[in-house]
């Protein structure tokens, strides 16, 4: 197999492992909570700790690769991810499981961005489209395979085995990267913003830890509030720091670009709504409706199947209607489907649930495709790596905030009913809130210029052609 195919497939190993792992865990959360003798809502920490770890370490991944070599960092990242997986399987308490997920996030933050960096620097531009085609397959297949796989393992084996499946995949990635990756470095690199890394890392970790531990889980309320205050102060301090130095860790000044700002801000609102789904939906299907993990996984995977189908239509839809129209209208439609999850009851026919999840997955996929494309419409090549870092941080934080908010509303609804266990009727307020937050993105994206991203979508070109013919 030639290098154009082999390098992307090696990178895809890491991408598949990360995407599958995330979706597998979502299906298994109730079983993990029961095994650890914890309230299922407390397992929100397992999701948010992973996402926050990604947000903290993704910005330094490129610098690490330039300093120590892309192959070295990629192999180390795979090893850290596998170590985190083993620690997850061995965890006997909520605190240990959350710490293990954070360690997994450290590995995930390095292996996927560095893998993409290897690809971009080692494959000729003439072969890049073909190479990227191989890379996108696991990103789409992982979320489809993950829920039923996790449900099957949890139902018929033991939830701890879902983490052991990462080990052979990771070992294969280490061997192949050793044989076929070049240890690419960048000698001309700016100094690492250590102060910025410390401020942003502590701020994001403390802020999200405080939000995610609100309630009765892991930390006292006073400590949670203290984390929120300390984290907010550190984040504000980072913003001031970033304005004063030449090479900040995360370039906030890129938000002056209108299309980039709309994608980051509007996308953050939308991802808060979407981020809550992998947490709320499996809990509702299993604890509220009485399904086992395998049955739950067979239902929830159809969202990813819908997303996979929409990938074939997204470019055509954007070419026909343009970015602003698609992003604005589709935001409200996709948000409505998020809210529709809260209307499910134990008596809802499975066929109806499948259709809602399938169609909702289509609209969410279209929104993500458009958001990811418009973000870089006006970003120069020189600023692309910085823009990618900022969007990655914003995405992970929004997803983790969605989990925290959804869990907070779910817990409040359960307490208001005086219940000690979750019921099916406790979930609709959480779905409603995150759906409304997702809908707010439509108002942000409506402020885009009508011609925004026309060069990418081809929409303006299609509209201008009749006028050109008439002359």
Foldseek 3Di string as FASTA:
>chain_A
DDPLALLLVLLLLLLLLVLLLLLLCLLCQVVVCVQLVHFSLLCLLLQLLLLLLLLLQLLCLQVCLQVFFLLVQQLVLLVQLLVLLLQCLVDNHSVSNSVSSNSNSPSSSRNNVSSVVQSVPPDDPVSNVVSVVSNCVSNLVSLLPRQLVSLCCVVPNNNSVSSVVSVVSSVVSSVSSVVRTDRDHDPDDDDAPPLLSVLQSQLSVLQLQLLQCPDDHDDDNVSSVVSNVSSVVSVVVSVVVLVPDDDHSANPVLCVPLLQVLLLVLVLLQLLLVLQCSNQQSCLCCQAQPDGSNVSSVQQSLLSVLLVVLVVVLLVVCQAQNLLVLLQVLLLVLLVLLLVSLVDHSPDDSVVSNVSSNVSSNSVSSNVVSSVQLNCLPPDPVCVSSSVSVSSSSNSSSSSNSSSQLSVQLVVQCVVVVHPGHHSNSRNVSSNVSSVSSNVSSVSSNPDDRCRSCVPSVNVVVVCVVVVVVD
